[in-house]
Amino acid sequence: MSAASPETLSNADIAREIQSLQKRAFERYEDAALRAEADPARAEVIYAQAERDTAPWIARATALNDERVARYQRRAKRWRNAAMVMGVVGAVFVMWMMSRAG
């Protein structure tokens, strides 16, 4: 797991780190489930400990995912702006062509 800021990571690094964090969290919860099954009287304590253990991983994965979503939103905004510019340029070009034909 990287301690780098999400803003400095590549998209591939973000995806790999999220996958790694998810794997670790799922493994921790699977372990907790097995331990709780073996000792039902302590199940609540075991699951609470698993939640505490995974909380930093989940927070990091959330931060990484938030950065990924922000990047997609910025990219979508750039594409939308480019499409609008192309539409305006196209409309102006069509009007110019029509004015020359008439």
C-alpha atoms as a PDB file:
ATOM      1  CA  MET A   1       0.000   0.000   0.000  1.00  0.00           C
ATOM      2  CA  SER A   2       1.319   3.358  -0.967  1.00  0.00           C
ATOM      3  CA  ALA A   3       1.259   6.360   1.318  1.00  0.00           C
ATOM      4  CA  ALA A   4       1.407   8.687  -1.671  1.00  0.00           C
ATOM      5  CA  SER A   5      -1.261  11.288  -2.122  1.00  0.00           C
ATOM      6  CA  PRO A   6      -4.045  10.058  -4.439  1.00  0.00           C
ATOM      7  CA  GLU A   7      -3.507  13.115  -6.644  1.00  0.00           C
ATOM      8  CA  THR A   8       0.055  12.000  -7.441  1.00  0.00           C
ATOM      9  CA  LEU A   9      -0.800   8.421  -8.416  1.00  0.00           C
ATOM     10  CA  SER A  10      -1.523   7.223 -11.923  1.00  0.00           C
ATOM     11  CA  ASN A  11      -4.921   5.730 -12.743  1.00  0.00           C
ATOM     12  CA  ALA A  12      -3.340   2.267 -12.876  1.00  0.00           C
ATOM     13  CA  ASP A  13      -1.706   2.758  -9.475  1.00  0.00           C
ATOM     14  CA  ILE A  14      -5.019   3.880  -7.992  1.00  0.00           C
ATOM     15  CA  ALA A  15      -6.795   0.819  -9.385  1.00  0.00           C
ATOM     16  CA  ARG A  16      -4.069  -1.546  -8.101  1.00  0.00           C
ATOM     17  CA  GLU A  17      -4.061   0.005  -4.652  1.00  0.00           C
ATOM     18  CA  ILE A  18      -7.862  -0.102  -4.339  1.00  0.00           C
ATOM     19  CA  GLN A  19      -7.813  -3.755  -5.381  1.00  0.00           C
ATOM     20  CA  SER A  20      -5.107  -4.523  -2.824  1.00  0.00           C
ATOM     21  CA  LEU A  21      -6.977  -2.722  -0.049  1.00  0.00           C
ATOM     22  CA  GLN A  22     -10.210  -4.529  -0.904  1.00  0.00           C
ATOM     23  CA  LYS A  23      -8.423  -7.879  -0.871  1.00  0.00           C
ATOM     24  CA  ARG A  24      -6.883  -7.171   2.535  1.00  0.00           C
ATOM     25  CA  ALA A  25     -10.213  -6.047   3.990  1.00  0.00           C
ATOM     26  CA  PHE A  26     -12.079  -9.078   2.629  1.00  0.00           C
ATOM     27  CA  GLU A  27      -9.384 -11.409   3.992  1.00  0.00           C
ATOM     28  CA  ARG A  28      -9.614  -9.730   7.396  1.00  0.00           C
ATOM     29  CA  TYR A  29     -13.403 -10.093   7.480  1.00  0.00           C
ATOM     30  CA  GLU A  30     -13.192 -13.725   6.340  1.00  0.00           C
ATOM     31  CA  ASP A  31     -10.765 -14.398   9.165  1.00  0.00           C
ATOM     32  CA  ALA A  32     -13.106 -12.648  11.610  1.00  0.00           C
ATOM     33  CA  ALA A  33     -16.033 -14.733  10.377  1.00  0.00           C
ATOM     34  CA  LEU A  34     -14.102 -17.966  10.921  1.00  0.00           C
ATOM     35  CA  ARG A  35     -13.016 -16.868  14.390  1.00  0.00           C
ATOM     36  CA  ALA A  36     -16.564 -15.777  15.271  1.00  0.00           C
ATOM     37  CA  GLU A  37     -17.917 -19.120  14.086  1.00  0.00           C
ATOM     38  CA  ALA A  38     -15.424 -20.918  16.304  1.00  0.00           C
ATOM     39  CA  ASP A  39     -16.216 -18.710  19.304  1.00  0.00           C
ATOM     40  CA  PRO A  40     -19.821 -17.399  18.972  1.00  0.00           C
ATOM     41  CA  ALA A  41     -19.764 -15.847  22.455  1.00  0.00           C
ATOM     42  CA  ARG A  42     -17.039 -13.431  21.307  1.00  0.00           C
ATOM     43  CA  ALA A  43     -18.433 -12.831  17.806  1.00  0.00           C
ATOM     44  CA  GLU A  44     -19.396  -9.226  18.489  1.00  0.00           C
ATOM     45  CA  VAL A  45     -15.941  -8.393  19.851  1.00  0.00           C
ATOM     46  CA  ILE A  46     -14.244 -10.179  16.949  1.00  0.00           C
ATOM     47  CA  TYR A  47     -16.265  -8.282  14.340  1.00  0.00           C
ATOM     48  CA  ALA A  48     -15.714  -4.963  16.137  1.00  0.00           C
ATOM     49  CA  GLN A  49     -11.953  -5.589  16.058  1.00  0.00           C
ATOM     50  CA  ALA A  50     -12.145  -6.419  12.349  1.00  0.00           C
ATOM     51  CA  GLU A  51     -13.952  -3.129  11.739  1.00  0.00           C
ATOM     52  CA  ARG A  52     -11.269  -1.207  13.637  1.00  0.00           C
ATOM     53  CA  ASP A  53      -8.514  -3.020  11.727  1.00  0.00           C
ATOM     54  CA  THR A  54     -10.020  -2.318   8.325  1.00  0.00           C
ATOM     55  CA  ALA A  55     -11.151   1.264   8.963  1.00  0.00           C
ATOM     56  CA  PRO A  56      -7.869   2.845   7.738  1.00  0.00           C
ATOM     57  CA  TRP A  57      -7.882   0.654   4.637  1.00  0.00           C
ATOM     58  CA  ILE A  58     -11.461   1.573   3.850  1.00  0.00           C
ATOM     59  CA  ALA A  59     -10.724   5.268   4.391  1.00  0.00           C
ATOM     60  CA  ARG A  60      -7.718   5.055   2.040  1.00  0.00           C
ATOM     61  CA  ALA A  61      -9.749   3.194  -0.600  1.00  0.00           C
ATOM     62  CA  THR A  62     -12.491   5.819  -0.316  1.00  0.00           C
ATOM     63  CA  ALA A  63      -9.972   8.628  -0.813  1.00  0.00           C
ATOM     64  CA  LEU A  64      -8.497   6.850  -3.825  1.00  0.00           C
ATOM     65  CA  ASN A  65     -11.917   6.244  -5.316  1.00  0.00           C
ATOM     66  CA  ASP A  66     -12.907   9.877  -4.735  1.00  0.00           C
ATOM     67  CA  GLU A  67      -9.821  10.957  -6.695  1.00  0.00           C
ATOM     68  CA  ARG A  68     -10.667   8.523  -9.485  1.00  0.00           C
ATOM     69  CA  VAL A  69     -14.220   9.877  -9.699  1.00  0.00           C
ATOM     70  CA  ALA A  70     -12.943  13.473  -9.688  1.00  0.00           C
ATOM     71  CA  ARG A  71     -10.622  12.634 -12.579  1.00  0.00           C
ATOM     72  CA  TYR A  72     -13.462  11.107 -14.579  1.00  0.00           C
ATOM     73  CA  GLN A  73     -15.629  14.139 -13.890  1.00  0.00           C
ATOM     74  CA  ARG A  74     -12.883  16.509 -15.043  1.00  0.00           C
ATOM     75  CA  ARG A  75     -12.349  14.430 -18.171  1.00  0.00           C
ATOM     76  CA  ALA A  76     -16.082  14.390 -18.917  1.00  0.00           C
ATOM     77  CA  LYS A  77     -16.237  18.163 -18.487  1.00  0.00           C
ATOM     78  CA  ARG A  78     -13.334  18.645 -20.934  1.00  0.00           C
ATOM     79  CA  TRP A  79     -14.985  16.369 -23.502  1.00  0.00           C
ATOM     80  CA  ARG A  80     -18.339  18.141 -23.054  1.00  0.00           C
ATOM     81  CA  ASN A  81     -16.667  21.529 -23.553  1.00  0.00           C
ATOM     82  CA  ALA A  82     -14.801  20.263 -26.611  1.00  0.00           C
ATOM     83  CA  ALA A  83     -18.048  18.905 -28.072  1.00  0.00           C
ATOM     84  CA  MET A  84     -19.810  22.217 -27.496  1.00  0.00           C
ATOM     85  CA  VAL A  85     -16.958  24.139 -29.137  1.00  0.00           C
ATOM     86  CA  MET A  86     -17.026  21.771 -32.106  1.00  0.00           C
ATOM     87  CA  GLY A  87     -20.785  22.207 -32.363  1.00  0.00           C
ATOM     88  CA  VAL A  88     -20.516  25.989 -32.357  1.00  0.00           C
ATOM     89  CA  VAL A  89     -17.662  25.942 -34.886  1.00  0.00           C
ATOM     90  CA  GLY A  90     -19.619  23.523 -37.050  1.00  0.00           C
ATOM     91  CA  ALA A  91     -22.751  25.683 -36.906  1.00  0.00           C
ATOM     92  CA  VAL A  92     -20.761  28.811 -37.788  1.00  0.00           C
ATOM     93  CA  PHE A  93     -19.117  26.953 -40.671  1.00  0.00           C
ATOM     94  CA  VAL A  94     -22.484  25.743 -41.988  1.00  0.00           C
ATOM     95  CA  MET A  95     -23.909  29.271 -41.750  1.00  0.00           C
ATOM     96  CA  TRP A  96     -20.867  30.641 -43.572  1.00  0.00           C
ATOM     97  CA  MET A  97     -21.213  27.999 -46.299  1.00  0.00           C
ATOM     98  CA  MET A  98     -24.930  28.778 -46.662  1.00  0.00           C
ATOM     99  CA  SER A  99     -24.251  32.522 -46.895  1.00  0.00           C
ATOM    100  CA  ARG A 100     -21.709  31.963 -49.686  1.00  0.00           C
ATOM    101  CA  ALA A 101     -24.084  29.694 -51.637  1.00  0.00           C
ATOM    102  CA  GLY A 102     -26.902  32.190 -51.658  1.00  0.00           C
END
